């Protein structure tokens, strides 16, 4: 993980809750572990492109809606 990972902000928890999904439900639909979803929400883990795309697809949004760089 690069040194700039701390600048990556995410809206995953907000969008997940707005969709009415638990972490477990999102993980099952996106085909990744609940622990991965939790780590992304808590900004401990920067997801792979594949995971980010699967989460966005599941939440019916763009990857850009989930992640942005802090200024």
PDB file of N, CA and C in Angstrom:
ATOM      1  N   UNK A   1       0.850  -1.164   0.000  1.00  0.00           N
ATOM      2  CA  UNK A   1       0.000   0.000   0.000  1.00  0.00           C
ATOM      3  C   UNK A   1       0.898   1.229   0.000  1.00  0.00           C
ATOM      4  N   UNK A   2       0.625   2.183  -0.864  1.00  0.00           N
ATOM      5  CA  UNK A   2       1.425   3.391  -0.968  1.00  0.00           C
ATOM      6  C   UNK A   2       1.266   4.299   0.232  1.00  0.00           C
ATOM      7  N   UNK A   3       2.165   5.263   0.323  1.00  0.00           N
ATOM      8  CA  UNK A   3       2.134   6.168   1.481  1.00  0.00           C
ATOM      9  C   UNK A   3       0.949   7.124   1.461  1.00  0.00           C
ATOM     10  N   UNK A   4       0.292   7.280   0.314  1.00  0.00           N
ATOM     11  CA  UNK A   4      -0.831   8.201   0.213  1.00  0.00           C
ATOM     12  C   UNK A   4      -2.170   7.572   0.589  1.00  0.00           C
ATOM     13  N   UNK A   5      -2.169   6.335   1.068  1.00  0.00           N
ATOM     14  CA  UNK A   5      -3.445   5.686   1.360  1.00  0.00           C
ATOM     15  C   UNK A   5      -4.251   6.427   2.433  1.00  0.00           C
ATOM     16  N   UNK A   6      -3.606   7.169   3.288  1.00  0.00           N
ATOM     17  CA  UNK A   6      -4.312   7.922   4.331  1.00  0.00           C
ATOM     18  C   UNK A   6      -5.123   9.067   3.736  1.00  0.00           C
ATOM     19  N   UNK A   7      -4.828   9.439   2.506  1.00  0.00           N
ATOM     20  CA  UNK A   7      -5.558  10.528   1.852  1.00  0.00           C
ATOM     21  C   UNK A   7      -6.827  10.034   1.161  1.00  0.00           C
ATOM     22  N   UNK A   8      -7.034   8.722   1.142  1.00  0.00           N
ATOM     23  CA  UNK A   8      -8.205   8.163   0.479  1.00  0.00           C
ATOM     24  C   UNK A   8      -9.369   8.127   1.459  1.00  0.00           C
ATOM     25  N   UNK A   9     -10.412   8.862   1.149  1.00  0.00           N
ATOM     26  CA  UNK A   9     -11.603   8.914   1.990  1.00  0.00           C
ATOM     27  C   UNK A   9     -12.664   8.022   1.342  1.00  0.00           C
ATOM     28  N   UNK A  10     -13.533   7.451   2.158  1.00  0.00           N
ATOM     29  CA  UNK A  10     -14.585   6.631   1.554  1.00  0.00           C
ATOM     30  C   UNK A  10     -15.943   6.885   2.189  1.00  0.00           C
ATOM     31  N   UNK A  11     -16.952   6.622   1.392  1.00  0.00           N
ATOM     32  CA  UNK A  11     -18.347   6.794   1.811  1.00  0.00           C
ATOM     33  C   UNK A  11     -19.064   5.457   1.861  1.00  0.00           C
ATOM     34  N   UNK A  12     -18.307   4.385   1.979  1.00  0.00           N
ATOM     35  CA  UNK A  12     -18.884   3.047   1.905  1.00  0.00           C
ATOM     36  C   UNK A  12     -19.956   2.825   2.963  1.00  0.00           C
ATOM     37  N   UNK A  13     -19.658   3.130   4.208  1.00  0.00           N
ATOM     38  CA  UNK A  13     -20.628   2.880   5.279  1.00  0.00           C
ATOM     39  C   UNK A  13     -21.932   3.639   5.027  1.00  0.00           C
ATOM     40  N   UNK A  14     -21.818   4.897   4.670  1.00  0.00           N
ATOM     41  CA  UNK A  14     -23.007   5.716   4.412  1.00  0.00           C
ATOM     42  C   UNK A  14     -23.837   5.139   3.266  1.00  0.00           C
ATOM     43  N   UNK A  15     -23.187   4.807   2.148  1.00  0.00           N
ATOM     44  CA  UNK A  15     -23.907   4.276   0.996  1.00  0.00           C
ATOM     45  C   UNK A  15     -24.486   2.893   1.281  1.00  0.00           C
ATOM     46  N   UNK A  16     -23.751   2.093   2.038  1.00  0.00           N
ATOM     47  CA  UNK A  16     -24.239   0.752   2.412  1.00  0.00           C
ATOM     48  C   UNK A  16     -25.500   0.867   3.268  1.00  0.00           C
ATOM     49  N   UNK A  17     -25.453   1.740   4.265  1.00  0.00           N
ATOM     50  CA  UNK A  17     -26.613   1.921   5.140  1.00  0.00           C
ATOM     51  C   UNK A  17     -27.791   2.523   4.386  1.00  0.00           C
ATOM     52  N   UNK A  18     -27.509   3.460   3.482  1.00  0.00           N
ATOM     53  CA  UNK A  18     -28.582   4.036   2.665  1.00  0.00           C
ATOM     54  C   UNK A  18     -29.256   2.974   1.801  1.00  0.00           C
ATOM     55  N   UNK A  19     -28.496   1.955   1.427  1.00  0.00           N
ATOM     56  CA  UNK A  19     -29.043   0.854   0.630  1.00  0.00           C
ATOM     57  C   UNK A  19     -29.769  -0.164   1.505  1.00  0.00           C
ATOM     58  N   UNK A  20     -29.701   0.023   2.821  1.00  0.00           N
ATOM     59  CA  UNK A  20     -30.369  -0.883   3.750  1.00  0.00           C
ATOM     60  C   UNK A  20     -29.676  -2.220   3.905  1.00  0.00           C
ATOM     61  N   UNK A  21     -28.355  -2.222   3.708  1.00  0.00           N
ATOM     62  CA  UNK A  21     -27.593  -3.472   3.794  1.00  0.00           C
ATOM     63  C   UNK A  21     -26.704  -3.495   5.027  1.00  0.00           C
ATOM     64  N   UNK A  22     -26.556  -4.672   5.605  1.00  0.00           N
ATOM     65  CA  UNK A  22     -25.563  -4.878   6.657  1.00  0.00           C
ATOM     66  C   UNK A  22     -24.226  -5.159   5.975  1.00  0.00           C
ATOM     67  N   UNK A  23     -23.159  -5.134   6.755  1.00  0.00           N
ATOM     68  CA  UNK A  23     -21.851  -5.506   6.199  1.00  0.00           C
ATOM     69  C   UNK A  23     -21.906  -6.928   5.655  1.00  0.00           C
ATOM     70  N   UNK A  24     -22.572  -7.815   6.360  1.00  0.00           N
ATOM     71  CA  UNK A  24     -22.669  -9.211   5.928  1.00  0.00           C
ATOM     72  C   UNK A  24     -23.406  -9.321   4.596  1.00  0.00           C
ATOM     73  N   UNK A  25     -24.504  -8.608   4.467  1.00  0.00           N
ATOM     74  CA  UNK A  25     -25.281  -8.660   3.219  1.00  0.00           C
ATOM     75  C   UNK A  25     -24.470  -8.111   2.045  1.00  0.00           C
ATOM     76  N   UNK A  26     -23.767  -7.000   2.270  1.00  0.00           N
ATOM     77  CA  UNK A  26     -22.933  -6.450   1.207  1.00  0.00           C
ATOM     78  C   UNK A  26     -21.823  -7.417   0.847  1.00  0.00           C
ATOM     79  N   UNK A  27     -21.224  -8.026   1.848  1.00  0.00           N
ATOM     80  CA  UNK A  27     -20.126  -8.959   1.564  1.00  0.00           C
ATOM     81  C   UNK A  27     -20.605 -10.157   0.757  1.00  0.00           C
ATOM     82  N   UNK A  28     -21.781 -10.654   1.056  1.00  0.00           N
ATOM     83  CA  UNK A  28     -22.321 -11.788   0.308  1.00  0.00           C
ATOM     84  C   UNK A  28     -22.638 -11.394  -1.136  1.00  0.00           C
ATOM     85  N   UNK A  29     -23.217 -10.225  -1.318  1.00  0.00           N
ATOM     86  CA  UNK A  29     -23.584  -9.775  -2.672  1.00  0.00           C
ATOM     87  C   UNK A  29     -22.368  -9.402  -3.503  1.00  0.00           C
ATOM     88  N   UNK A  30     -21.343  -8.830  -2.854  1.00  0.00           N
ATOM     89  CA  UNK A  30     -20.129  -8.429  -3.566  1.00  0.00           C
ATOM     90  C   UNK A  30     -19.110  -9.564  -3.642  1.00  0.00           C
ATOM     91  N   UNK A  31     -19.398 -10.678  -2.954  1.00  0.00           N
ATOM     92  CA  UNK A  31     -18.538 -11.864  -2.964  1.00  0.00           C
ATOM     93  C   UNK A  31     -17.150 -11.597  -2.378  1.00  0.00           C
ATOM     94  N   UNK A  32     -17.142 -10.883  -1.237  1.00  0.00           N
ATOM     95  CA  UNK A  32     -15.928 -10.654  -0.466  1.00  0.00           C
ATOM     96  C   UNK A  32     -16.268 -10.842   1.000  1.00  0.00           C
ATOM     97  N   UNK A  33     -15.256 -11.000   1.834  1.00  0.00           N
ATOM     98  CA  UNK A  33     -15.519 -11.256   3.251  1.00  0.00           C
ATOM     99  C   UNK A  33     -16.059 -10.018   3.957  1.00  0.00           C
ATOM    100  N   UNK A  34     -16.838 -10.263   5.004  1.00  0.00           N
ATOM    101  CA  UNK A  34     -17.349  -9.176   5.827  1.00  0.00           C
ATOM    102  C   UNK A  34     -16.197  -8.419   6.469  1.00  0.00           C
ATOM    103  N   UNK A  35     -15.133  -9.131   6.822  1.00  0.00           N
ATOM    104  CA  UNK A  35     -13.967  -8.485   7.421  1.00  0.00           C
ATOM    105  C   UNK A  35     -13.336  -7.488   6.463  1.00  0.00           C
ATOM    106  N   UNK A  36     -13.328  -7.800   5.172  1.00  0.00           N
ATOM    107  CA  UNK A  36     -12.797  -6.863   4.177  1.00  0.00           C
ATOM    108  C   UNK A  36     -13.659  -5.616   4.108  1.00  0.00           C
ATOM    109  N   UNK A  37     -14.976  -5.805   4.106  1.00  0.00           N
ATOM    110  CA  UNK A  37     -15.896  -4.671   4.068  1.00  0.00           C
ATOM    111  C   UNK A  37     -15.677  -3.792   5.300  1.00  0.00           C
ATOM    112  N   UNK A  38     -15.562  -4.413   6.467  1.00  0.00           N
ATOM    113  CA  UNK A  38     -15.334  -3.682   7.703  1.00  0.00           C
ATOM    114  C   UNK A  38     -14.018  -2.910   7.658  1.00  0.00           C
ATOM    115  N   UNK A  39     -12.970  -3.546   7.174  1.00  0.00           N
ATOM    116  CA  UNK A  39     -11.656  -2.895   7.112  1.00  0.00           C
ATOM    117  C   UNK A  39     -11.669  -1.713   6.151  1.00  0.00           C
ATOM    118  N   UNK A  40     -12.397  -1.810   5.063  1.00  0.00           N
ATOM    119  CA  UNK A  40     -12.512  -0.686   4.129  1.00  0.00           C
ATOM    120  C   UNK A  40     -13.284   0.447   4.794  1.00  0.00           C
ATOM    121  N   UNK A  41     -14.402   0.139   5.421  1.00  0.00           N
ATOM    122  CA  UNK A  41     -15.207   1.174   6.084  1.00  0.00           C
ATOM    123  C   UNK A  41     -14.411   1.910   7.151  1.00  0.00           C
ATOM    124  N   UNK A  42     -13.538   1.202   7.836  1.00  0.00           N
ATOM    125  CA  UNK A  42     -12.751   1.804   8.907  1.00  0.00           C
ATOM    126  C   UNK A  42     -11.418   2.365   8.425  1.00  0.00           C
ATOM    127  N   UNK A  43     -11.261   2.411   7.099  1.00  0.00           N
ATOM    128  CA  UNK A  43     -10.078   2.973   6.454  1.00  0.00           C
ATOM    129  C   UNK A  43      -8.780   2.308   6.897  1.00  0.00           C
ATOM    130  N   UNK A  44      -8.865   1.010   7.178  1.00  0.00           N
ATOM    131  CA  UNK A  44      -7.704   0.211   7.540  1.00  0.00           C
ATOM    132  C   UNK A  44      -7.118  -0.422   6.289  1.00  0.00           C
ATOM    133  N   UNK A  45      -7.977  -0.667   5.312  1.00  0.00           N
ATOM    134  CA  UNK A  45      -7.613  -1.396   4.103  1.00  0.00           C
ATOM    135  C   UNK A  45      -8.101  -0.642   2.878  1.00  0.00           C
ATOM    136  N   UNK A  46      -7.231  -0.473   1.897  1.00  0.00           N
ATOM    137  CA  UNK A  46      -7.609   0.113   0.618  1.00  0.00           C
ATOM    138  C   UNK A  46      -7.974  -1.046  -0.299  1.00  0.00           C
ATOM    139  N   UNK A  47      -9.198  -1.072  -0.797  1.00  0.00           N
ATOM    140  CA  UNK A  47      -9.638  -2.219  -1.579  1.00  0.00           C
ATOM    141  C   UNK A  47      -8.961  -2.292  -2.948  1.00  0.00           C
ATOM    142  N   UNK A  48      -8.908  -3.499  -3.453  1.00  0.00           N
ATOM    143  CA  UNK A  48      -8.429  -3.690  -4.817  1.00  0.00           C
ATOM    144  C   UNK A  48      -9.427  -3.071  -5.779  1.00  0.00           C
ATOM    145  N   UNK A  49      -9.014  -2.904  -6.998  1.00  0.00           N
ATOM    146  CA  UNK A  49      -9.911  -2.374  -8.025  1.00  0.00           C
ATOM    147  C   UNK A  49     -11.117  -3.282  -8.192  1.00  0.00           C
ATOM    148  N   UNK A  50     -10.892  -4.585  -8.133  1.00  0.00           N
ATOM    149  CA  UNK A  50     -11.982  -5.549  -8.298  1.00  0.00           C
ATOM    150  C   UNK A  50     -12.998  -5.404  -7.165  1.00  0.00           C
ATOM    151  N   UNK A  51     -12.523  -5.330  -5.923  1.00  0.00           N
ATOM    152  CA  UNK A  51     -13.438  -5.183  -4.789  1.00  0.00           C
ATOM    153  C   UNK A  51     -14.182  -3.853  -4.873  1.00  0.00           C
ATOM    154  N   UNK A  52     -13.482  -2.776  -5.199  1.00  0.00           N
ATOM    155  CA  UNK A  52     -14.132  -1.473  -5.312  1.00  0.00           C
ATOM    156  C   UNK A  52     -15.224  -1.507  -6.379  1.00  0.00           C
ATOM    157  N   UNK A  53     -14.936  -2.142  -7.512  1.00  0.00           N
ATOM    158  CA  UNK A  53     -15.919  -2.239  -8.593  1.00  0.00           C
ATOM    159  C   UNK A  53     -17.112  -3.091  -8.180  1.00  0.00           C
ATOM    160  N   UNK A  54     -16.865  -4.199  -7.475  1.00  0.00           N
ATOM    161  CA  UNK A  54     -17.959  -5.058  -7.029  1.00  0.00           C
ATOM    162  C   UNK A  54     -18.839  -4.348  -5.998  1.00  0.00           C
ATOM    163  N   UNK A  55     -18.214  -3.593  -5.093  1.00  0.00           N
ATOM    164  CA  UNK A  55     -18.996  -2.859  -4.104  1.00  0.00           C
ATOM    165  C   UNK A  55     -19.846  -1.795  -4.791  1.00  0.00           C
ATOM    166  N   UNK A  56     -19.259  -1.061  -5.721  1.00  0.00           N
ATOM    167  CA  UNK A  56     -20.000  -0.025  -6.442  1.00  0.00           C
ATOM    168  C   UNK A  56     -21.151  -0.641  -7.237  1.00  0.00           C
ATOM    169  N   UNK A  57     -20.887  -1.749  -7.901  1.00  0.00           N
ATOM    170  CA  UNK A  57     -21.933  -2.415  -8.673  1.00  0.00           C
ATOM    171  C   UNK A  57     -23.073  -2.864  -7.761  1.00  0.00           C
ATOM    172  N   UNK A  58     -22.722  -3.446  -6.638  1.00  0.00           N
ATOM    173  CA  UNK A  58     -23.724  -3.920  -5.682  1.00  0.00           C
ATOM    174  C   UNK A  58     -24.552  -2.765  -5.126  1.00  0.00           C
ATOM    175  N   UNK A  59     -23.897  -1.633  -4.868  1.00  0.00           N
ATOM    176  CA  UNK A  59     -24.585  -0.470  -4.302  1.00  0.00           C
ATOM    177  C   UNK A  59     -25.178   0.432  -5.388  1.00  0.00           C
ATOM    178  N   UNK A  60     -25.003   0.026  -6.640  1.00  0.00           N
ATOM    179  CA  UNK A  60     -25.541   0.768  -7.798  1.00  0.00           C
ATOM    180  C   UNK A  60     -25.076   2.216  -7.802  1.00  0.00           C
ATOM    181  N   UNK A  61     -23.758   2.362  -7.677  1.00  0.00           N
ATOM    182  CA  UNK A  61     -23.145   3.684  -7.734  1.00  0.00           C
ATOM    183  C   UNK A  61     -21.826   3.567  -8.487  1.00  0.00           C
ATOM    184  N   UNK A  62     -21.142   4.660  -8.631  1.00  0.00           N
ATOM    185  CA  UNK A  62     -19.830   4.676  -9.270  1.00  0.00           C
ATOM    186  C   UNK A  62     -18.762   4.487  -8.196  1.00  0.00           C
ATOM    187  N   UNK A  63     -17.617   3.955  -8.600  1.00  0.00           N
ATOM    188  CA  UNK A  63     -16.494   3.834  -7.663  1.00  0.00           C
ATOM    189  C   UNK A  63     -16.154   5.215  -7.106  1.00  0.00           C
ATOM    190  N   UNK A  64     -16.274   6.237  -7.951  1.00  0.00           N
ATOM    191  CA  UNK A  64     -15.986   7.608  -7.521  1.00  0.00           C
ATOM    192  C   UNK A  64     -16.937   8.081  -6.430  1.00  0.00           C
ATOM    193  N   UNK A  65     -18.129   7.480  -6.352  1.00  0.00           N
ATOM    194  CA  UNK A  65     -19.066   7.817  -5.280  1.00  0.00           C
ATOM    195  C   UNK A  65     -18.616   7.214  -3.953  1.00  0.00           C
ATOM    196  N   UNK A  66     -17.887   6.112  -4.033  1.00  0.00           N
ATOM    197  CA  UNK A  66     -17.405   5.423  -2.829  1.00  0.00           C
ATOM    198  C   UNK A  66     -16.115   6.016  -2.295  1.00  0.00           C
ATOM    199  N   UNK A  67     -15.224   6.426  -3.191  1.00  0.00           N
ATOM    200  CA  UNK A  67     -13.870   6.848  -2.780  1.00  0.00           C
ATOM    201  C   UNK A  67     -13.496   8.188  -3.402  1.00  0.00           C
ATOM    202  N   UNK A  68     -12.772   8.978  -2.616  1.00  0.00           N
ATOM    203  CA  UNK A  68     -12.238  10.246  -3.112  1.00  0.00           C
ATOM    204  C   UNK A  68     -10.965  10.560  -2.348  1.00  0.00           C
ATOM    205  N   UNK A  69     -10.150  11.402  -2.947  1.00  0.00           N
ATOM    206  CA  UNK A  69      -8.922  11.829  -2.288  1.00  0.00           C
ATOM    207  C   UNK A  69      -9.216  13.042  -1.414  1.00  0.00           C
ATOM    208  N   UNK A  70      -8.676  13.022  -0.212  1.00  0.00           N
ATOM    209  CA  UNK A  70      -8.801  14.169   0.689  1.00  0.00           C
ATOM    210  C   UNK A  70      -7.908  15.280   0.168  1.00  0.00           C
ATOM    211  N   UNK A  71      -8.348  16.464   0.360  1.00  0.00           N
ATOM    212  CA  UNK A  71      -7.556  17.617  -0.119  1.00  0.00           C
ATOM    213  C   UNK A  71      -6.687  18.170   0.964  1.00  0.00           C
TER     214      UNK A  71
END
